[in-house]
Amino acid sequence: MTCMRCQGCMAKDHFMDLLESSEDMWLTGWRCLNCGHVFDPVMERNRLRQGRAAVVSTGRASGQDRIGIQEEGDVIPGLAA
């Protein structure tokens, strides 16, 4: 299996579900050995049901060629102080 985010190798992993006490506490999913992204079929099904599939980064944001170095005192819009 290949990671949707970085195309790295995915390995089967076991996770503990601390919120659901009525069902099994251990879940099986996939974790990327490269970036750590977790793929769980139940989480993916819920994302699709809500109408927002997992977002995969394709690299740079549109319109940006490079990230500039900010000088001290510069304000970056949209970031908290």
N, C-alpha and C. Protein backbone atom coordinates (compact mmCIF):
# COMPACT_ATOMS: atom_id res chain seq x y z
N MET A 1 0.85 -1.17 0.00
CA MET A 1 0.00 0.00 0.00
C MET A 1 0.90 1.24 0.00
N THR A 2 0.47 2.28 -0.72
CA THR A 2 1.25 3.50 -0.85
C THR A 2 0.55 4.66 -0.16
N CYS A 3 1.31 5.50 0.52
CA CYS A 3 0.78 6.66 1.26
C CYS A 3 0.19 7.68 0.29
N MET A 4 -0.98 8.22 0.61
CA MET A 4 -1.62 9.24 -0.22
C MET A 4 -0.89 10.57 -0.14
N ARG A 5 -0.19 10.83 0.94
CA ARG A 5 0.49 12.11 1.12
C ARG A 5 1.87 12.15 0.49
N CYS A 6 2.70 11.13 0.76
CA CYS A 6 4.10 11.19 0.32
C CYS A 6 4.50 10.03 -0.58
N GLN A 7 3.59 9.13 -0.90
CA GLN A 7 3.84 7.94 -1.71
C GLN A 7 4.86 7.01 -1.06
N GLY A 8 4.97 7.09 0.27
CA GLY A 8 5.86 6.21 1.02
C GLY A 8 5.20 4.86 1.28
N CYS A 9 5.94 3.99 1.92
CA CYS A 9 5.48 2.64 2.22
C CYS A 9 4.58 2.65 3.47
N MET A 10 3.44 1.99 3.38
CA MET A 10 2.51 1.89 4.51
C MET A 10 2.67 0.52 5.17
N ALA A 11 2.58 0.50 6.49
CA ALA A 11 2.66 -0.75 7.25
C ALA A 11 1.41 -0.87 8.12
N LYS A 12 0.93 -2.10 8.28
CA LYS A 12 -0.22 -2.33 9.13
C LYS A 12 0.16 -2.04 10.57
N ASP A 13 -0.73 -1.35 11.30
CA ASP A 13 -0.45 -0.97 12.68
C ASP A 13 -1.72 -1.16 13.50
N HIS A 14 -1.57 -1.23 14.80
CA HIS A 14 -2.70 -1.39 15.71
C HIS A 14 -2.81 -0.15 16.58
N PHE A 15 -4.05 0.33 16.73
CA PHE A 15 -4.31 1.55 17.48
C PHE A 15 -5.32 1.27 18.58
N MET A 16 -5.19 1.97 19.69
CA MET A 16 -6.12 1.82 20.80
C MET A 16 -7.17 2.92 20.71
N ASP A 17 -8.45 2.53 20.75
CA ASP A 17 -9.56 3.47 20.70
C ASP A 17 -9.99 3.77 22.13
N LEU A 18 -9.66 4.95 22.61
CA LEU A 18 -9.96 5.31 24.00
C LEU A 18 -11.35 5.91 24.16
N LEU A 19 -12.00 6.31 23.06
CA LEU A 19 -13.30 6.97 23.17
C LEU A 19 -14.46 5.98 23.14
N GLU A 20 -14.35 4.92 22.39
CA GLU A 20 -15.44 3.96 22.27
C GLU A 20 -15.25 2.81 23.25
N SER A 21 -16.02 2.82 24.32
CA SER A 21 -15.89 1.75 25.31
C SER A 21 -16.84 0.60 25.04
N SER A 22 -17.82 0.79 24.12
CA SER A 22 -18.80 -0.25 23.85
C SER A 22 -18.30 -1.29 22.84
N GLU A 23 -17.25 -0.96 22.10
CA GLU A 23 -16.72 -1.87 21.09
C GLU A 23 -15.31 -2.28 21.44
N ASP A 24 -14.67 -3.02 20.53
CA ASP A 24 -13.28 -3.41 20.74
C ASP A 24 -12.41 -2.18 20.91
N MET A 25 -11.43 -2.26 21.81
CA MET A 25 -10.55 -1.13 22.04
C MET A 25 -9.43 -1.05 21.02
N TRP A 26 -9.10 -2.15 20.37
CA TRP A 26 -7.98 -2.16 19.41
C TRP A 26 -8.52 -2.10 18.00
N LEU A 27 -7.95 -1.19 17.20
CA LEU A 27 -8.31 -1.04 15.80
C LEU A 27 -7.09 -1.33 14.94
N THR A 28 -7.33 -1.79 13.73
CA THR A 28 -6.23 -2.03 12.80
C THR A 28 -6.30 -0.99 11.70
N GLY A 29 -5.17 -0.41 11.37
CA GLY A 29 -5.10 0.58 10.30
C GLY A 29 -3.73 0.52 9.65
N TRP A 30 -3.42 1.54 8.85
CA TRP A 30 -2.16 1.61 8.14
C TRP A 30 -1.44 2.90 8.52
N ARG A 31 -0.14 2.83 8.76
CA ARG A 31 0.68 4.00 9.08
C ARG A 31 1.83 4.07 8.09
N CYS A 32 2.08 5.30 7.59
CA CYS A 32 3.18 5.51 6.65
C CYS A 32 4.50 5.49 7.41
N LEU A 33 5.44 4.71 6.92
CA LEU A 33 6.75 4.63 7.57
C LEU A 33 7.58 5.88 7.31
N ASN A 34 7.20 6.66 6.30
CA ASN A 34 7.94 7.85 5.92
C ASN A 34 7.45 9.10 6.65
N CYS A 35 6.14 9.41 6.55
CA CYS A 35 5.62 10.66 7.11
C CYS A 35 4.73 10.47 8.33
N GLY A 36 4.31 9.23 8.63
CA GLY A 36 3.50 8.97 9.80
C GLY A 36 2.00 9.09 9.59
N HIS A 37 1.56 9.38 8.36
CA HIS A 37 0.13 9.50 8.06
C HIS A 37 -0.57 8.18 8.40
N VAL A 38 -1.74 8.28 9.04
CA VAL A 38 -2.51 7.10 9.42
C VAL A 38 -3.72 6.98 8.52
N PHE A 39 -3.92 5.80 7.94
CA PHE A 39 -5.10 5.51 7.13
C PHE A 39 -5.90 4.45 7.85
N ASP A 40 -7.14 4.80 8.16
CA ASP A 40 -8.05 3.88 8.81
C ASP A 40 -9.32 3.85 7.96
N PRO A 41 -9.77 2.68 7.51
CA PRO A 41 -10.95 2.62 6.64
C PRO A 41 -12.19 3.27 7.24
N VAL A 42 -12.38 3.16 8.53
CA VAL A 42 -13.56 3.77 9.17
C VAL A 42 -13.47 5.29 9.12
N MET A 43 -12.29 5.85 9.42
CA MET A 43 -12.12 7.29 9.35
C MET A 43 -12.33 7.78 7.92
N GLU A 44 -11.80 7.07 6.95
CA GLU A 44 -11.94 7.47 5.55
C GLU A 44 -13.40 7.43 5.12
N ARG A 45 -14.13 6.40 5.53
CA ARG A 45 -15.55 6.29 5.21
C ARG A 45 -16.32 7.47 5.80
N ASN A 46 -16.00 7.84 7.04
CA ASN A 46 -16.67 8.98 7.68
C ASN A 46 -16.35 10.29 6.96
N ARG A 47 -15.10 10.47 6.52
CA ARG A 47 -14.73 11.67 5.76
C ARG A 47 -15.55 11.76 4.48
N LEU A 48 -15.65 10.64 3.76
CA LEU A 48 -16.38 10.64 2.51
C LEU A 48 -17.87 10.86 2.74
N ARG A 49 -18.40 10.31 3.82
CA ARG A 49 -19.81 10.48 4.15
C ARG A 49 -20.12 11.95 4.43
N GLN A 50 -19.18 12.66 5.04
CA GLN A 50 -19.38 14.07 5.36
C GLN A 50 -19.13 14.96 4.15
N GLY A 51 -18.67 14.38 3.06
CA GLY A 51 -18.49 15.15 1.84
C GLY A 51 -17.14 15.82 1.71
N ARG A 52 -16.20 15.49 2.58
CA ARG A 52 -14.87 16.07 2.44
C ARG A 52 -13.84 14.95 2.47
N ALA A 53 -13.39 14.60 1.30
CA ALA A 53 -12.37 13.56 1.19
C ALA A 53 -11.06 14.09 1.73
N ALA A 54 -10.16 13.20 2.04
CA ALA A 54 -8.85 13.60 2.56
C ALA A 54 -8.14 14.48 1.54
N VAL A 55 -7.56 15.57 2.02
CA VAL A 55 -6.86 16.50 1.14
C VAL A 55 -5.41 16.06 1.02
N VAL A 56 -4.94 16.01 -0.21
CA VAL A 56 -3.57 15.61 -0.47
C VAL A 56 -2.81 16.81 -1.01
N SER A 57 -1.72 17.17 -0.38
CA SER A 57 -0.92 18.30 -0.81
C SER A 57 -0.17 17.94 -2.09
N THR A 58 -0.20 18.86 -3.06
CA THR A 58 0.50 18.63 -4.32
C THR A 58 1.77 19.45 -4.42
N GLY A 59 2.15 20.09 -3.36
CA GLY A 59 3.38 20.89 -3.38
C GLY A 59 3.09 22.33 -3.05
N ARG A 60 3.60 23.23 -3.89
CA ARG A 60 3.46 24.66 -3.63
C ARG A 60 2.02 25.13 -3.82
N ALA A 61 1.64 26.14 -3.06
CA ALA A 61 0.34 26.77 -3.24
C ALA A 61 0.34 27.52 -4.56
N SER A 62 -0.81 27.61 -5.19
CA SER A 62 -0.87 28.29 -6.49
C SER A 62 -0.47 29.76 -6.34
N GLY A 63 0.35 30.22 -7.28
CA GLY A 63 0.79 31.61 -7.27
C GLY A 63 2.04 31.87 -6.45
N GLN A 64 2.55 30.86 -5.75
CA GLN A 64 3.75 31.06 -4.95
C GLN A 64 4.93 30.36 -5.61
N ASP A 65 5.98 31.11 -5.90
CA ASP A 65 7.17 30.53 -6.49
C ASP A 65 8.15 30.09 -5.41
N ARG A 66 8.24 30.87 -4.34
CA ARG A 66 9.16 30.53 -3.25
C ARG A 66 8.70 31.23 -1.99
N ILE A 67 9.21 30.79 -0.88
CA ILE A 67 8.88 31.39 0.41
C ILE A 67 9.99 32.37 0.75
N GLY A 68 9.62 33.61 1.03
CA GLY A 68 10.61 34.63 1.36
C GLY A 68 10.97 34.61 2.83
N ILE A 69 12.11 35.20 3.15
CA ILE A 69 12.54 35.32 4.54
C ILE A 69 11.94 36.59 5.11
N GLN A 70 11.28 36.46 6.25
CA GLN A 70 10.64 37.61 6.87
C GLN A 70 11.63 38.36 7.74
N GLU A 71 11.62 39.67 7.62
CA GLU A 71 12.46 40.52 8.46
C GLU A 71 11.76 40.72 9.80
N GLU A 72 12.52 41.03 10.84
CA GLU A 72 11.95 41.26 12.15
C GLU A 72 10.98 42.43 12.08
N GLY A 73 9.80 42.27 12.62
CA GLY A 73 8.79 43.32 12.62
C GLY A 73 7.81 43.21 11.47
N ASP A 74 8.08 42.35 10.46
CA ASP A 74 7.14 42.17 9.36
C ASP A 74 5.89 41.46 9.88
N VAL A 75 4.75 41.81 9.35
CA VAL A 75 3.49 41.20 9.75
C VAL A 75 3.07 40.25 8.65
N ILE A 76 2.73 39.04 9.02
CA ILE A 76 2.23 38.05 8.07
C ILE A 76 0.73 37.96 8.27
N PRO A 77 -0.08 38.37 7.28
CA PRO A 77 -1.53 38.35 7.43
C PRO A 77 -2.04 36.94 7.70
N GLY A 78 -3.04 36.84 8.56
CA GLY A 78 -3.67 35.56 8.85
C GLY A 78 -3.02 34.74 9.94
N LEU A 79 -1.91 35.20 10.49
CA LEU A 79 -1.26 34.46 11.57
C LEU A 79 -1.50 35.16 12.90
N ALA A 80 -1.68 34.39 13.93
CA ALA A 80 -1.88 34.96 15.26
C ALA A 80 -0.57 35.56 15.76
N ALA A 81 -0.70 36.57 16.59
CA ALA A 81 0.50 37.25 17.12
C ALA A 81 1.18 36.43 18.17
